[in-house]
């Protein structure tokens, strides 16, 4: 992979960027976080959060592919586990 092709894996998107890419409202995003069908945000500072762009892209791809809520929940769990093991 080139640096350009992997850059999105390490970019952090702010909430409004995530909303624009997913089409979800703020309240829907946070409702889905509670149900485990959307990844938790990453703390960027005391009052700032964001989401890894690669996770948002993976979630969008799964939804486009028609994955079930259970499959989405399993994907989110895998994404979170991968994030935690990287740190």
N, C-alpha and C. Protein backbone atom coordinates (compact mmCIF):
# COMPACT_ATOMS: atom_id res chain seq x y z
N UNK A 1 0.83 -1.18 0.00
CA UNK A 1 0.00 0.00 0.00
C UNK A 1 0.87 1.25 0.00
N UNK A 2 0.41 2.25 -0.68
CA UNK A 2 1.13 3.51 -0.68
C UNK A 2 0.68 4.34 0.51
N UNK A 3 1.44 5.39 0.78
CA UNK A 3 1.09 6.26 1.89
C UNK A 3 -0.29 6.89 1.68
N UNK A 4 -0.60 7.28 0.43
CA UNK A 4 -1.90 7.88 0.14
C UNK A 4 -3.05 6.91 0.36
N UNK A 5 -2.84 5.63 0.02
CA UNK A 5 -3.92 4.65 0.15
C UNK A 5 -4.16 4.24 1.59
N UNK A 6 -3.17 4.43 2.46
CA UNK A 6 -3.36 4.08 3.87
C UNK A 6 -3.65 5.30 4.74
N UNK A 7 -3.54 6.49 4.18
CA UNK A 7 -3.73 7.71 4.97
C UNK A 7 -5.11 7.75 5.62
N UNK A 8 -6.14 7.29 4.91
CA UNK A 8 -7.50 7.34 5.48
C UNK A 8 -7.65 6.43 6.70
N UNK A 9 -6.81 5.42 6.81
CA UNK A 9 -6.90 4.52 7.95
C UNK A 9 -6.50 5.22 9.25
N UNK A 10 -5.68 6.25 9.12
CA UNK A 10 -5.15 6.92 10.30
C UNK A 10 -5.66 8.34 10.48
N UNK A 11 -6.54 8.77 9.61
CA UNK A 11 -7.13 10.10 9.73
C UNK A 11 -8.28 10.07 10.72
N UNK A 12 -8.43 11.15 11.45
CA UNK A 12 -9.52 11.27 12.40
C UNK A 12 -10.54 12.25 11.85
N UNK A 13 -11.78 11.83 11.84
CA UNK A 13 -12.87 12.69 11.39
C UNK A 13 -13.61 13.26 12.60
N UNK A 14 -13.94 14.52 12.52
CA UNK A 14 -14.74 15.14 13.57
C UNK A 14 -16.22 14.80 13.32
N UNK A 15 -17.06 15.06 14.32
CA UNK A 15 -18.46 14.64 14.28
C UNK A 15 -19.18 15.12 13.02
N UNK A 16 -19.04 16.37 12.67
CA UNK A 16 -19.75 16.88 11.49
C UNK A 16 -19.29 16.20 10.20
N UNK A 17 -18.01 15.85 10.13
CA UNK A 17 -17.51 15.12 8.97
C UNK A 17 -18.11 13.72 8.93
N UNK A 18 -18.22 13.08 10.10
CA UNK A 18 -18.83 11.74 10.16
C UNK A 18 -20.29 11.82 9.76
N UNK A 19 -20.98 12.83 10.25
CA UNK A 19 -22.39 13.00 9.89
C UNK A 19 -22.53 13.18 8.38
N UNK A 20 -21.66 13.95 7.77
CA UNK A 20 -21.73 14.17 6.33
C UNK A 20 -21.46 12.88 5.56
N UNK A 21 -20.56 12.05 6.06
CA UNK A 21 -20.21 10.80 5.36
C UNK A 21 -21.21 9.68 5.58
N UNK A 22 -21.90 9.71 6.71
CA UNK A 22 -22.84 8.63 7.01
C UNK A 22 -24.29 9.01 6.77
N UNK A 23 -24.58 10.30 6.78
CA UNK A 23 -25.96 10.75 6.64
C UNK A 23 -26.75 10.66 7.94
N UNK A 24 -26.05 10.37 9.04
CA UNK A 24 -26.72 10.23 10.34
C UNK A 24 -26.75 11.55 11.09
N UNK A 25 -27.78 11.72 11.89
CA UNK A 25 -27.83 12.89 12.76
C UNK A 25 -26.97 12.62 13.99
N UNK A 26 -26.68 13.67 14.74
CA UNK A 26 -25.88 13.54 15.96
C UNK A 26 -26.56 12.57 16.93
N UNK A 27 -27.86 12.75 17.14
CA UNK A 27 -28.55 11.89 18.10
C UNK A 27 -28.58 10.44 17.65
N UNK A 28 -28.72 10.20 16.36
CA UNK A 28 -28.71 8.82 15.85
C UNK A 28 -27.34 8.19 16.03
N UNK A 29 -26.28 8.96 15.79
CA UNK A 29 -24.93 8.43 16.00
C UNK A 29 -24.76 7.97 17.44
N UNK A 30 -25.14 8.82 18.39
CA UNK A 30 -24.95 8.48 19.79
C UNK A 30 -25.91 7.37 20.25
N UNK A 31 -27.10 7.30 19.67
CA UNK A 31 -27.99 6.17 19.96
C UNK A 31 -27.36 4.86 19.48
N UNK A 32 -26.77 4.89 18.31
CA UNK A 32 -26.13 3.68 17.76
C UNK A 32 -24.89 3.29 18.56
N UNK A 33 -24.17 4.27 19.09
CA UNK A 33 -23.03 3.95 19.96
C UNK A 33 -23.54 3.17 21.17
N UNK A 34 -24.65 3.61 21.74
CA UNK A 34 -25.23 2.94 22.91
C UNK A 34 -25.65 1.51 22.60
N UNK A 35 -26.13 1.26 21.38
CA UNK A 35 -26.58 -0.09 21.02
C UNK A 35 -25.48 -0.95 20.42
N UNK A 36 -24.27 -0.36 20.28
CA UNK A 36 -23.15 -1.12 19.76
C UNK A 36 -23.11 -1.24 18.25
N UNK A 37 -23.87 -0.39 17.54
CA UNK A 37 -23.87 -0.46 16.08
C UNK A 37 -23.15 0.73 15.45
N UNK A 38 -22.39 1.45 16.27
CA UNK A 38 -21.54 2.53 15.78
C UNK A 38 -20.36 2.62 16.72
N UNK A 39 -19.14 2.81 16.21
CA UNK A 39 -17.96 2.84 17.09
C UNK A 39 -17.97 4.04 18.03
N UNK A 40 -17.37 3.85 19.20
CA UNK A 40 -17.21 4.94 20.15
C UNK A 40 -16.18 5.92 19.60
N UNK A 41 -16.31 7.18 19.97
CA UNK A 41 -15.33 8.15 19.50
C UNK A 41 -13.99 8.02 20.22
N UNK A 42 -12.97 8.60 19.62
CA UNK A 42 -11.63 8.67 20.18
C UNK A 42 -11.49 10.05 20.82
N UNK A 43 -10.98 10.10 22.04
CA UNK A 43 -10.74 11.39 22.69
C UNK A 43 -9.55 12.07 22.03
N UNK A 44 -9.76 13.31 21.63
CA UNK A 44 -8.69 14.09 21.03
C UNK A 44 -8.16 15.14 21.99
N UNK A 45 -8.91 15.39 23.01
CA UNK A 45 -8.55 16.38 24.02
C UNK A 45 -9.65 16.40 25.06
N UNK A 46 -9.60 17.33 25.99
CA UNK A 46 -10.60 17.35 27.06
C UNK A 46 -12.03 17.56 26.56
N UNK A 47 -12.19 18.26 25.42
CA UNK A 47 -13.53 18.53 24.92
C UNK A 47 -13.67 18.24 23.43
N UNK A 48 -12.85 17.36 22.90
CA UNK A 48 -12.87 17.07 21.47
C UNK A 48 -12.78 15.57 21.24
N UNK A 49 -13.63 15.08 20.34
CA UNK A 49 -13.60 13.67 19.96
C UNK A 49 -13.63 13.55 18.45
N UNK A 50 -13.29 12.38 17.96
CA UNK A 50 -13.35 12.09 16.54
C UNK A 50 -13.41 10.59 16.32
N UNK A 51 -13.56 10.20 15.08
CA UNK A 51 -13.65 8.78 14.72
C UNK A 51 -12.61 8.48 13.66
N UNK A 52 -11.92 7.34 13.77
CA UNK A 52 -10.98 6.94 12.72
C UNK A 52 -11.71 6.79 11.38
N UNK A 53 -11.16 7.42 10.36
CA UNK A 53 -11.80 7.41 9.04
C UNK A 53 -11.99 6.00 8.51
N UNK A 54 -11.02 5.12 8.76
CA UNK A 54 -11.13 3.74 8.29
C UNK A 54 -12.31 3.01 8.91
N UNK A 55 -12.61 3.30 10.18
CA UNK A 55 -13.76 2.67 10.83
C UNK A 55 -15.06 3.17 10.23
N UNK A 56 -15.14 4.46 9.94
CA UNK A 56 -16.35 5.01 9.33
C UNK A 56 -16.54 4.41 7.94
N UNK A 57 -15.45 4.28 7.19
CA UNK A 57 -15.53 3.70 5.84
C UNK A 57 -15.96 2.23 5.90
N UNK A 58 -15.44 1.48 6.86
CA UNK A 58 -15.82 0.07 7.00
C UNK A 58 -17.29 -0.07 7.36
N UNK A 59 -17.75 0.79 8.23
CA UNK A 59 -19.16 0.76 8.63
C UNK A 59 -20.07 1.12 7.46
N UNK A 60 -19.69 2.15 6.70
CA UNK A 60 -20.48 2.52 5.52
C UNK A 60 -20.52 1.37 4.52
N UNK A 61 -19.38 0.72 4.30
CA UNK A 61 -19.33 -0.40 3.34
C UNK A 61 -20.24 -1.54 3.78
N UNK A 62 -20.26 -1.82 5.08
CA UNK A 62 -21.11 -2.89 5.60
C UNK A 62 -22.59 -2.55 5.43
N UNK A 63 -22.94 -1.31 5.69
CA UNK A 63 -24.34 -0.89 5.52
C UNK A 63 -24.75 -0.95 4.05
N UNK A 64 -23.86 -0.49 3.16
CA UNK A 64 -24.14 -0.53 1.73
C UNK A 64 -24.32 -1.97 1.27
N UNK A 65 -23.53 -2.88 1.84
CA UNK A 65 -23.61 -4.31 1.48
C UNK A 65 -24.85 -4.98 2.07
N UNK A 66 -25.60 -4.26 2.90
CA UNK A 66 -26.84 -4.81 3.44
C UNK A 66 -26.65 -5.72 4.64
N UNK A 67 -25.57 -5.53 5.37
CA UNK A 67 -25.33 -6.36 6.55
C UNK A 67 -26.43 -6.13 7.59
N UNK A 68 -26.74 -7.18 8.34
CA UNK A 68 -27.76 -7.10 9.39
C UNK A 68 -27.24 -6.32 10.59
N UNK A 69 -28.14 -5.95 11.48
CA UNK A 69 -27.73 -5.24 12.69
C UNK A 69 -26.75 -6.07 13.52
N UNK A 70 -26.97 -7.37 13.59
CA UNK A 70 -26.04 -8.24 14.33
C UNK A 70 -24.67 -8.27 13.67
N UNK A 71 -24.63 -8.31 12.34
CA UNK A 71 -23.35 -8.28 11.64
C UNK A 71 -22.65 -6.93 11.84
N UNK A 72 -23.43 -5.86 11.84
CA UNK A 72 -22.87 -4.53 12.09
C UNK A 72 -22.32 -4.46 13.52
N UNK A 73 -23.06 -4.99 14.47
CA UNK A 73 -22.62 -5.01 15.88
C UNK A 73 -21.30 -5.78 16.01
N UNK A 74 -21.19 -6.91 15.33
CA UNK A 74 -19.96 -7.71 15.36
C UNK A 74 -18.81 -6.95 14.71
N UNK A 75 -19.08 -6.24 13.62
CA UNK A 75 -18.05 -5.44 12.96
C UNK A 75 -17.56 -4.34 13.91
N UNK A 76 -18.47 -3.65 14.55
CA UNK A 76 -18.09 -2.58 15.48
C UNK A 76 -17.24 -3.16 16.61
N UNK A 77 -17.61 -4.32 17.13
CA UNK A 77 -16.82 -4.96 18.19
C UNK A 77 -15.41 -5.28 17.71
N UNK A 78 -15.29 -5.77 16.47
CA UNK A 78 -13.96 -6.06 15.91
C UNK A 78 -13.15 -4.78 15.73
N UNK A 79 -13.79 -3.73 15.22
CA UNK A 79 -13.09 -2.46 15.03
C UNK A 79 -12.58 -1.91 16.36
N UNK A 80 -13.42 -1.98 17.38
CA UNK A 80 -13.03 -1.48 18.71
C UNK A 80 -11.89 -2.32 19.28
N UNK A 81 -11.96 -3.65 19.11
CA UNK A 81 -10.91 -4.53 19.62
C UNK A 81 -9.58 -4.25 18.91
N UNK A 82 -9.64 -4.03 17.61
CA UNK A 82 -8.43 -3.71 16.85
C UNK A 82 -7.84 -2.39 17.31
N UNK A 83 -8.71 -1.42 17.55
CA UNK A 83 -8.25 -0.12 18.03
C UNK A 83 -7.55 -0.25 19.38
N UNK A 84 -8.16 -1.01 20.27
CA UNK A 84 -7.60 -1.20 21.62
C UNK A 84 -6.29 -1.96 21.60
N UNK A 85 -6.17 -2.94 20.72
CA UNK A 85 -4.93 -3.73 20.66
C UNK A 85 -3.78 -2.94 20.01
N UNK A 86 -4.11 -1.91 19.24
CA UNK A 86 -3.09 -1.10 18.60
C UNK A 86 -2.45 -0.12 19.58
N UNK A 87 -3.15 0.17 20.66
CA UNK A 87 -2.66 1.19 21.60
C UNK A 87 -1.85 0.66 22.67
